[in-house]
C-alpha cells in the first residue's frame, strides 16, 4: 500500500493504509487496531500474516509516482 506524503486527494493520508481518523475526538486508529483488520473482513490480516502487506510512502501528490520510485518497486517486488 502506498501513501503519498503530499496527498490532497486521500485525506487524511493515513487512510491510504486503512488508518482511521476520528474528526470529533482527533483520535487516530492504526489499521491493525481496527475491526476491518482484526476480523479480516477483506483479507488484510491474512495477507499481513503472510508478510504480504507492505506499507510504502512516496514523495509527492496522489498517484504522482516518480520513475525512480516505480523502478524501485518493480525491482524489489517483480524482479530486475
C-alpha atoms as a PDB file:
ATOM      1  CA  UNK A   1       0.000   0.000   0.000  1.00  0.00           C
ATOM      2  CA  UNK A   2       1.355   3.393  -0.940  1.00  0.00           C
ATOM      3  CA  UNK A   3       0.802   6.613   0.989  1.00  0.00           C
ATOM      4  CA  UNK A   4       1.836   9.887  -0.652  1.00  0.00           C
ATOM      5  CA  UNK A   5       3.434  12.482   1.629  1.00  0.00           C
ATOM      6  CA  UNK A   6       1.747  15.445  -0.113  1.00  0.00           C
ATOM      7  CA  UNK A   7      -1.590  13.760  -0.845  1.00  0.00           C
ATOM      8  CA  UNK A   8      -4.541  16.148  -1.158  1.00  0.00           C
ATOM      9  CA  UNK A   9      -6.943  13.517  -2.555  1.00  0.00           C
ATOM     10  CA  UNK A  10      -6.878  10.962   0.245  1.00  0.00           C
ATOM     11  CA  UNK A  11      -7.366  12.897   3.473  1.00  0.00           C
ATOM     12  CA  UNK A  12      -6.105  12.062   5.975  1.00  0.00           C
ATOM     13  CA  UNK A  13      -3.259  10.396   4.130  1.00  0.00           C
ATOM     14  CA  UNK A  14      -3.092   7.537   6.661  1.00  0.00           C
ATOM     15  CA  UNK A  15      -6.366   6.280   5.232  1.00  0.00           C
ATOM     16  CA  UNK A  16      -4.252   5.147   2.270  1.00  0.00           C
ATOM     17  CA  UNK A  17      -3.069   2.473   4.715  1.00  0.00           C
ATOM     18  CA  UNK A  18      -6.643   1.907   6.003  1.00  0.00           C
ATOM     19  CA  UNK A  19      -5.962   4.025   9.074  1.00  0.00           C
ATOM     20  CA  UNK A  20      -8.901   5.880  10.581  1.00  0.00           C
ATOM     21  CA  UNK A  21      -9.099   9.405  11.930  1.00  0.00           C
ATOM     22  CA  UNK A  22     -11.993  10.492  14.113  1.00  0.00           C
ATOM     23  CA  UNK A  23     -12.587  14.179  13.411  1.00  0.00           C
ATOM     24  CA  UNK A  24     -14.635  14.607  16.587  1.00  0.00           C
ATOM     25  CA  UNK A  25     -12.130  13.191  19.065  1.00  0.00           C
ATOM     26  CA  UNK A  26      -8.987  13.737  16.987  1.00  0.00           C
ATOM     27  CA  UNK A  27      -8.061  10.104  17.628  1.00  0.00           C
ATOM     28  CA  UNK A  28      -6.066   8.187  15.015  1.00  0.00           C
ATOM     29  CA  UNK A  29      -6.525   4.422  14.792  1.00  0.00           C
ATOM     30  CA  UNK A  30      -3.879   2.346  13.044  1.00  0.00           C
ATOM     31  CA  UNK A  31      -5.072  -0.366  10.643  1.00  0.00           C
ATOM     32  CA  UNK A  32      -4.006  -3.204  12.933  1.00  0.00           C
ATOM     33  CA  UNK A  33      -6.273  -1.844  15.702  1.00  0.00           C
ATOM     34  CA  UNK A  34      -9.397  -1.638  13.527  1.00  0.00           C
ATOM     35  CA  UNK A  35     -12.113  -4.282  13.150  1.00  0.00           C
ATOM     36  CA  UNK A  36     -11.597  -4.336   9.375  1.00  0.00           C
ATOM     37  CA  UNK A  37      -8.170  -5.849  10.131  1.00  0.00           C
ATOM     38  CA  UNK A  38      -8.841  -7.814  13.329  1.00  0.00           C
ATOM     39  CA  UNK A  39     -11.899  -9.553  11.878  1.00  0.00           C
ATOM     40  CA  UNK A  40     -10.144  -9.885   8.491  1.00  0.00           C
ATOM     41  CA  UNK A  41     -13.138  -8.542   6.578  1.00  0.00           C
ATOM     42  CA  UNK A  42     -11.192  -8.016   3.345  1.00  0.00           C
ATOM     43  CA  UNK A  43      -8.186 -10.282   3.909  1.00  0.00           C
ATOM     44  CA  UNK A  44      -5.654  -7.700   5.097  1.00  0.00           C
ATOM     45  CA  UNK A  45      -4.828  -9.644   8.273  1.00  0.00           C
ATOM     46  CA  UNK A  46      -4.292 -12.864   6.313  1.00  0.00           C
ATOM     47  CA  UNK A  47      -2.105 -11.019   3.841  1.00  0.00           C
ATOM     48  CA  UNK A  48      -0.146  -9.395   6.685  1.00  0.00           C
ATOM     49  CA  UNK A  49       0.418 -12.745   8.397  1.00  0.00           C
ATOM     50  CA  UNK A  50       1.958 -13.998   5.144  1.00  0.00           C
ATOM     51  CA  UNK A  51       4.271 -10.924   5.092  1.00  0.00           C
ATOM     52  CA  UNK A  52       2.458  -9.650   2.015  1.00  0.00           C
ATOM     53  CA  UNK A  53       1.080  -6.407   3.390  1.00  0.00           C
ATOM     54  CA  UNK A  54       3.674  -3.745   2.636  1.00  0.00           C
ATOM     55  CA  UNK A  55       3.422  -0.104   3.737  1.00  0.00           C
ATOM     56  CA  UNK A  56       5.278   2.279   1.429  1.00  0.00           C
ATOM     57  CA  UNK A  57       5.486   6.063   1.457  1.00  0.00           C
ATOM     58  CA  UNK A  58       6.204   8.038  -1.687  1.00  0.00           C
ATOM     59  CA  UNK A  59       7.082  11.669  -2.161  1.00  0.00           C
ATOM     60  CA  UNK A  60       4.552  13.815  -3.949  1.00  0.00           C
ATOM     61  CA  UNK A  61       0.850  14.115  -4.524  1.00  0.00           C
ATOM     62  CA  UNK A  62      -1.737  11.395  -5.040  1.00  0.00           C
ATOM     63  CA  UNK A  63      -0.631   8.868  -7.676  1.00  0.00           C
ATOM     64  CA  UNK A  64       2.255  11.063  -8.829  1.00  0.00           C
ATOM     65  CA  UNK A  65       4.745   8.208  -8.695  1.00  0.00           C
ATOM     66  CA  UNK A  66       8.239   9.176  -9.738  1.00  0.00           C
ATOM     67  CA  UNK A  67      10.046   6.995 -12.232  1.00  0.00           C
ATOM     68  CA  UNK A  68      12.753   6.223  -9.638  1.00  0.00           C
ATOM     69  CA  UNK A  69      10.204   5.104  -7.031  1.00  0.00           C
ATOM     70  CA  UNK A  70       8.390   2.987  -9.613  1.00  0.00           C
ATOM     71  CA  UNK A  71      11.657   1.339 -10.675  1.00  0.00           C
ATOM     72  CA  UNK A  72      12.493   0.512  -7.042  1.00  0.00           C
ATOM     73  CA  UNK A  73       9.074  -1.075  -6.526  1.00  0.00           C
ATOM     74  CA  UNK A  74       9.345  -3.100  -9.733  1.00  0.00           C
ATOM     75  CA  UNK A  75      12.867  -4.298  -8.937  1.00  0.00           C
ATOM     76  CA  UNK A  76      12.026  -5.238  -5.346  1.00  0.00           C
ATOM     77  CA  UNK A  77       8.661  -6.935  -5.888  1.00  0.00           C
ATOM     78  CA  UNK A  78       8.713  -8.093  -9.526  1.00  0.00           C
ATOM     79  CA  UNK A  79      12.412  -8.672 -10.196  1.00  0.00           C
ATOM     80  CA  UNK A  80      15.115  -6.991 -12.269  1.00  0.00           C
END
